[in-house]
N, C-alpha and C. Protein backbone atom coordinates (compact mmCIF):
# COMPACT_ATOMS: atom_id res chain seq x y z
N MET A 1 59.19 -9.73 15.79
CA MET A 1 59.07 -8.44 15.12
C MET A 1 59.51 -7.36 16.09
N SER A 2 60.41 -6.53 15.69
CA SER A 2 60.92 -5.52 16.60
C SER A 2 60.22 -4.18 16.42
N ALA A 3 59.75 -3.88 15.23
CA ALA A 3 59.04 -2.62 15.00
C ALA A 3 57.59 -2.77 15.45
N GLU A 4 56.99 -1.66 15.81
CA GLU A 4 55.59 -1.70 16.21
C GLU A 4 54.73 -2.18 15.05
N THR A 5 53.86 -3.10 15.34
CA THR A 5 53.03 -3.74 14.32
C THR A 5 51.58 -3.72 14.77
N HIS A 6 50.66 -3.79 13.82
CA HIS A 6 49.24 -3.91 14.14
C HIS A 6 48.88 -5.38 14.28
N TYR A 7 47.97 -5.66 15.20
CA TYR A 7 47.53 -7.03 15.46
C TYR A 7 46.01 -7.06 15.50
N LEU A 8 45.45 -8.05 14.83
CA LEU A 8 44.01 -8.29 14.90
C LEU A 8 43.76 -9.21 16.09
N ALA A 9 42.88 -8.79 16.97
CA ALA A 9 42.49 -9.59 18.13
C ALA A 9 41.04 -10.00 17.96
N VAL A 10 40.79 -11.30 18.00
CA VAL A 10 39.44 -11.81 17.84
C VAL A 10 39.08 -12.59 19.10
N PHE A 11 38.09 -12.10 19.80
CA PHE A 11 37.60 -12.78 20.99
C PHE A 11 36.76 -13.98 20.54
N THR A 12 36.92 -15.09 21.23
CA THR A 12 36.19 -16.30 20.86
C THR A 12 35.26 -16.73 21.99
N SER A 13 34.20 -17.41 21.60
CA SER A 13 33.24 -17.91 22.57
C SER A 13 32.45 -19.04 21.94
N ASP A 14 32.42 -20.17 22.62
CA ASP A 14 31.63 -21.31 22.17
C ASP A 14 30.18 -21.06 22.55
N LYS A 15 29.37 -20.71 21.57
CA LYS A 15 27.98 -20.32 21.83
C LYS A 15 27.12 -21.48 22.31
N THR A 16 27.68 -22.69 22.31
CA THR A 16 26.96 -23.85 22.85
C THR A 16 27.62 -24.35 24.13
N GLY A 17 28.65 -23.66 24.60
CA GLY A 17 29.44 -24.12 25.73
C GLY A 17 28.89 -23.71 27.09
N PRO A 18 29.62 -24.06 28.14
CA PRO A 18 29.16 -23.84 29.51
C PRO A 18 29.00 -22.37 29.89
N ARG A 19 29.84 -21.49 29.37
CA ARG A 19 29.70 -20.07 29.72
C ARG A 19 28.37 -19.50 29.20
N TRP A 20 28.01 -19.89 27.96
CA TRP A 20 26.74 -19.42 27.41
C TRP A 20 25.57 -20.07 28.12
N ARG A 21 25.69 -21.33 28.48
CA ARG A 21 24.61 -21.98 29.23
C ARG A 21 24.39 -21.27 30.56
N ALA A 22 25.48 -20.91 31.23
CA ALA A 22 25.37 -20.19 32.50
C ALA A 22 24.73 -18.81 32.29
N TRP A 23 25.12 -18.14 31.20
CA TRP A 23 24.54 -16.83 30.90
C TRP A 23 23.03 -16.94 30.68
N ARG A 24 22.64 -17.93 29.87
CA ARG A 24 21.21 -18.11 29.57
C ARG A 24 20.42 -18.54 30.79
N ALA A 25 21.09 -19.14 31.77
CA ALA A 25 20.42 -19.57 33.00
C ALA A 25 20.15 -18.39 33.95
N MET A 26 20.82 -17.26 33.73
CA MET A 26 20.61 -16.08 34.57
C MET A 26 19.25 -15.47 34.27
N SER A 27 18.71 -14.80 35.28
CA SER A 27 17.48 -14.04 35.06
C SER A 27 17.83 -12.81 34.21
N GLU A 28 16.80 -12.18 33.66
CA GLU A 28 17.04 -10.97 32.87
C GLU A 28 17.71 -9.90 33.73
N ALA A 29 17.30 -9.80 34.99
CA ALA A 29 17.91 -8.80 35.88
C ALA A 29 19.38 -9.12 36.13
N GLN A 30 19.72 -10.39 36.31
CA GLN A 30 21.11 -10.77 36.51
C GLN A 30 21.93 -10.49 35.25
N GLN A 31 21.37 -10.81 34.08
CA GLN A 31 22.07 -10.52 32.84
C GLN A 31 22.31 -9.02 32.69
N ALA A 32 21.30 -8.22 32.99
CA ALA A 32 21.41 -6.77 32.86
C ALA A 32 22.48 -6.22 33.80
N GLU A 33 22.51 -6.70 35.03
CA GLU A 33 23.51 -6.23 36.00
C GLU A 33 24.91 -6.67 35.59
N THR A 34 25.05 -7.91 35.13
CA THR A 34 26.35 -8.39 34.67
C THR A 34 26.81 -7.58 33.46
N ALA A 35 25.89 -7.31 32.54
CA ALA A 35 26.22 -6.50 31.36
C ALA A 35 26.63 -5.10 31.77
N ARG A 36 25.94 -4.51 32.73
CA ARG A 36 26.29 -3.16 33.20
C ARG A 36 27.71 -3.15 33.76
N LEU A 37 28.03 -4.12 34.59
CA LEU A 37 29.38 -4.22 35.16
C LEU A 37 30.41 -4.48 34.07
N GLY A 38 30.06 -5.34 33.13
CA GLY A 38 30.98 -5.69 32.05
C GLY A 38 31.27 -4.52 31.14
N VAL A 39 30.25 -3.77 30.77
CA VAL A 39 30.43 -2.60 29.89
C VAL A 39 31.33 -1.57 30.57
N ALA A 40 31.12 -1.33 31.86
CA ALA A 40 31.97 -0.40 32.60
C ALA A 40 33.41 -0.91 32.65
N ALA A 41 33.59 -2.21 32.86
CA ALA A 41 34.94 -2.78 32.93
C ALA A 41 35.63 -2.73 31.57
N VAL A 42 34.89 -2.98 30.49
CA VAL A 42 35.47 -2.88 29.15
C VAL A 42 35.88 -1.44 28.88
N ALA A 43 35.04 -0.48 29.24
CA ALA A 43 35.38 0.94 29.04
C ALA A 43 36.65 1.30 29.81
N ALA A 44 36.80 0.80 31.03
CA ALA A 44 38.00 1.06 31.82
C ALA A 44 39.22 0.40 31.17
N TRP A 45 39.06 -0.82 30.66
CA TRP A 45 40.17 -1.51 29.97
C TRP A 45 40.58 -0.70 28.74
N GLU A 46 39.60 -0.26 27.96
CA GLU A 46 39.90 0.51 26.75
C GLU A 46 40.61 1.82 27.09
N GLU A 47 40.20 2.47 28.15
CA GLU A 47 40.86 3.71 28.57
C GLU A 47 42.31 3.42 28.98
N ALA A 48 42.51 2.34 29.72
CA ALA A 48 43.86 1.98 30.17
C ALA A 48 44.78 1.60 29.01
N HIS A 49 44.20 1.13 27.91
CA HIS A 49 44.98 0.66 26.76
C HIS A 49 44.78 1.53 25.51
N ARG A 50 44.26 2.74 25.69
CA ARG A 50 43.90 3.57 24.55
C ARG A 50 45.07 3.85 23.61
N ASP A 51 46.29 3.91 24.13
CA ASP A 51 47.44 4.17 23.26
C ASP A 51 47.78 2.97 22.38
N SER A 52 47.28 1.80 22.74
CA SER A 52 47.54 0.59 21.95
C SER A 52 46.42 0.27 20.97
N ILE A 53 45.26 0.88 21.15
CA ILE A 53 44.11 0.54 20.32
C ILE A 53 44.16 1.35 19.02
N VAL A 54 44.20 0.63 17.90
CA VAL A 54 44.19 1.25 16.57
C VAL A 54 42.76 1.40 16.08
N TYR A 55 41.99 0.34 16.25
CA TYR A 55 40.58 0.32 15.83
C TYR A 55 39.80 -0.45 16.89
N GLN A 56 38.80 0.19 17.47
CA GLN A 56 38.06 -0.38 18.59
C GLN A 56 37.26 -1.61 18.19
N GLY A 57 36.88 -1.72 16.93
CA GLY A 57 36.13 -2.89 16.48
C GLY A 57 34.78 -2.97 17.15
N GLY A 58 34.36 -4.19 17.49
CA GLY A 58 33.07 -4.37 18.13
C GLY A 58 32.59 -5.80 18.01
N PRO A 59 31.36 -6.02 18.48
CA PRO A 59 30.79 -7.37 18.43
C PRO A 59 30.50 -7.79 16.99
N LEU A 60 30.57 -9.08 16.78
CA LEU A 60 30.30 -9.65 15.46
C LEU A 60 28.94 -10.33 15.46
N GLY A 61 28.21 -10.18 14.38
CA GLY A 61 26.86 -10.72 14.28
C GLY A 61 26.82 -12.08 13.60
N PRO A 62 25.63 -12.49 13.19
CA PRO A 62 25.45 -13.79 12.53
C PRO A 62 26.35 -13.92 11.30
N THR A 63 26.80 -15.14 11.06
CA THR A 63 27.77 -15.40 9.99
C THR A 63 27.13 -16.13 8.82
N LYS A 64 27.46 -15.70 7.63
CA LYS A 64 27.12 -16.41 6.40
C LYS A 64 28.44 -16.78 5.73
N ARG A 65 28.46 -17.92 5.07
CA ARG A 65 29.67 -18.40 4.39
C ARG A 65 29.33 -18.71 2.94
N ILE A 66 30.22 -18.30 2.04
CA ILE A 66 30.07 -18.68 0.65
C ILE A 66 31.20 -19.65 0.32
N GLY A 67 30.84 -20.76 -0.25
CA GLY A 67 31.83 -21.76 -0.62
C GLY A 67 32.34 -21.53 -2.03
N ASP A 68 33.34 -22.31 -2.42
CA ASP A 68 33.90 -22.15 -3.76
C ASP A 68 32.92 -22.55 -4.85
N ASP A 69 31.83 -23.22 -4.45
CA ASP A 69 30.79 -23.58 -5.41
C ASP A 69 29.70 -22.50 -5.51
N GLY A 70 29.86 -21.41 -4.73
CA GLY A 70 28.90 -20.31 -4.75
C GLY A 70 27.74 -20.48 -3.79
N ALA A 71 27.66 -21.62 -3.09
CA ALA A 71 26.58 -21.86 -2.14
C ALA A 71 26.78 -20.99 -0.89
N VAL A 72 25.71 -20.35 -0.45
CA VAL A 72 25.74 -19.52 0.75
C VAL A 72 25.00 -20.27 1.86
N THR A 73 25.66 -20.36 3.01
CA THR A 73 25.05 -21.04 4.15
C THR A 73 25.18 -20.19 5.40
N ASP A 74 24.22 -20.34 6.30
CA ASP A 74 24.33 -19.74 7.63
C ASP A 74 25.19 -20.66 8.47
N MET A 75 26.00 -20.09 9.34
CA MET A 75 26.86 -20.91 10.17
C MET A 75 27.10 -20.24 11.52
N VAL A 76 27.57 -21.03 12.46
CA VAL A 76 27.95 -20.53 13.78
C VAL A 76 29.43 -20.83 13.95
N ASN A 77 30.19 -19.83 14.39
CA ASN A 77 31.61 -20.04 14.67
C ASN A 77 31.94 -19.47 16.04
N LEU A 78 33.19 -19.46 16.40
CA LEU A 78 33.61 -18.98 17.71
C LEU A 78 33.88 -17.48 17.75
N LEU A 79 33.87 -16.81 16.59
CA LEU A 79 34.22 -15.39 16.52
C LEU A 79 33.13 -14.53 17.14
N THR A 80 33.51 -13.66 18.09
CA THR A 80 32.52 -12.93 18.87
C THR A 80 32.71 -11.42 18.83
N VAL A 81 33.93 -10.95 19.03
CA VAL A 81 34.26 -9.52 19.09
C VAL A 81 35.63 -9.37 18.44
N PHE A 82 35.90 -8.22 17.81
CA PHE A 82 37.23 -8.00 17.26
C PHE A 82 37.71 -6.59 17.54
N MET A 83 39.03 -6.40 17.48
CA MET A 83 39.64 -5.08 17.55
C MET A 83 41.04 -5.17 16.97
N VAL A 84 41.63 -4.03 16.68
CA VAL A 84 43.00 -3.96 16.18
C VAL A 84 43.82 -3.15 17.17
N VAL A 85 44.96 -3.72 17.57
CA VAL A 85 45.86 -3.04 18.51
C VAL A 85 47.25 -2.92 17.88
N ARG A 86 48.08 -2.08 18.48
CA ARG A 86 49.47 -1.99 18.05
C ARG A 86 50.34 -2.38 19.23
N ALA A 87 51.45 -3.04 18.91
CA ALA A 87 52.40 -3.45 19.94
C ALA A 87 53.75 -3.68 19.29
N ASP A 88 54.79 -3.73 20.11
CA ASP A 88 56.13 -3.93 19.56
C ASP A 88 56.49 -5.40 19.41
N SER A 89 55.60 -6.31 19.86
CA SER A 89 55.83 -7.74 19.63
C SER A 89 54.50 -8.48 19.72
N HIS A 90 54.49 -9.66 19.15
CA HIS A 90 53.29 -10.52 19.20
C HIS A 90 52.95 -10.84 20.65
N GLU A 91 53.96 -11.18 21.44
CA GLU A 91 53.77 -11.50 22.86
C GLU A 91 53.16 -10.33 23.61
N THR A 92 53.67 -9.13 23.35
CA THR A 92 53.13 -7.93 24.01
C THR A 92 51.68 -7.72 23.61
N ALA A 93 51.38 -7.93 22.35
CA ALA A 93 50.00 -7.75 21.87
C ALA A 93 49.06 -8.73 22.56
N VAL A 94 49.44 -9.98 22.63
CA VAL A 94 48.55 -10.97 23.24
C VAL A 94 48.40 -10.73 24.74
N ARG A 95 49.46 -10.28 25.39
CA ARG A 95 49.40 -10.03 26.84
C ARG A 95 48.50 -8.84 27.19
N LEU A 96 48.21 -7.96 26.22
CA LEU A 96 47.27 -6.87 26.48
C LEU A 96 45.92 -7.39 26.95
N PHE A 97 45.58 -8.60 26.54
CA PHE A 97 44.24 -9.13 26.78
C PHE A 97 44.13 -10.03 28.02
N GLU A 98 45.22 -10.14 28.78
CA GLU A 98 45.14 -10.91 30.02
C GLU A 98 44.08 -10.30 30.92
N ASN A 99 43.22 -11.14 31.47
CA ASN A 99 42.17 -10.72 32.41
C ASN A 99 41.20 -9.70 31.80
N HIS A 100 41.05 -9.72 30.48
CA HIS A 100 40.12 -8.79 29.83
C HIS A 100 38.69 -9.08 30.31
N PRO A 101 37.87 -8.05 30.50
CA PRO A 101 36.49 -8.25 30.98
C PRO A 101 35.63 -9.16 30.10
N HIS A 102 35.94 -9.23 28.81
CA HIS A 102 35.15 -10.14 27.97
C HIS A 102 35.33 -11.59 28.41
N MET A 103 36.44 -11.88 29.06
CA MET A 103 36.68 -13.25 29.53
C MET A 103 36.39 -13.40 31.02
N SER A 104 36.54 -12.33 31.79
CA SER A 104 36.32 -12.44 33.23
C SER A 104 34.89 -12.11 33.65
N ILE A 105 34.17 -11.34 32.85
CA ILE A 105 32.79 -10.98 33.19
C ILE A 105 31.82 -11.51 32.14
N PHE A 106 32.13 -11.31 30.88
CA PHE A 106 31.27 -11.80 29.80
C PHE A 106 31.63 -13.24 29.45
N VAL A 107 31.12 -13.75 28.35
CA VAL A 107 31.18 -15.18 28.05
C VAL A 107 32.29 -15.61 27.09
N CYS A 108 33.21 -14.72 26.76
CA CYS A 108 34.31 -15.12 25.88
C CYS A 108 35.26 -16.05 26.63
N ASP A 109 35.88 -16.97 25.89
CA ASP A 109 36.79 -17.92 26.51
C ASP A 109 38.22 -17.78 26.04
N GLY A 110 38.50 -16.83 25.16
CA GLY A 110 39.86 -16.61 24.68
C GLY A 110 39.92 -15.46 23.71
N VAL A 111 41.15 -15.09 23.36
CA VAL A 111 41.38 -14.05 22.36
C VAL A 111 42.49 -14.57 21.45
N GLU A 112 42.20 -14.64 20.17
CA GLU A 112 43.20 -15.03 19.18
C GLU A 112 43.81 -13.74 18.63
N VAL A 113 45.13 -13.65 18.68
CA VAL A 113 45.83 -12.42 18.27
C VAL A 113 46.80 -12.78 17.16
N MET A 114 46.70 -12.05 16.04
CA MET A 114 47.56 -12.32 14.90
C MET A 114 48.04 -11.03 14.27
N PRO A 115 49.27 -11.01 13.78
CA PRO A 115 49.76 -9.78 13.13
C PRO A 115 49.00 -9.52 11.83
N VAL A 116 48.77 -8.25 11.57
CA VAL A 116 48.21 -7.83 10.30
C VAL A 116 49.43 -7.57 9.42
N LEU A 117 49.69 -8.47 8.51
CA LEU A 117 50.91 -8.41 7.72
C LEU A 117 50.93 -7.18 6.83
N GLY A 118 52.06 -6.53 6.77
CA GLY A 118 52.22 -5.34 5.95
C GLY A 118 51.82 -4.06 6.64
N SER A 119 51.39 -4.13 7.90
CA SER A 119 51.00 -2.91 8.61
C SER A 119 52.18 -2.41 9.42
N ALA A 120 52.13 -1.14 9.73
CA ALA A 120 53.17 -0.56 10.58
C ALA A 120 52.56 0.54 11.42
């Protein structure tokens, strides 16, 4: 895509994986200090990329799913945080998230980036 496009970025995290186990093993004071550092680092990342951010998004809460039979169930997935960015290519959009604090300080293990079709 050559024109600037919007991209949905979804941070992922295995809530049963090693990063979460390590987080839960920290003391409350360690978690608070890590969170303090992480929030400051995320704010700095957002400031550095403010021209690319379309919608800041935020953390995602508990998930419910409705099936085609109408049944509603509680579920756990990898989706953790989301935001919308603009970039002139898919590669450029995904590279915005290299070394993002959610992966280097917090417990996310990746960011899935996809074009929002029909946006400009």
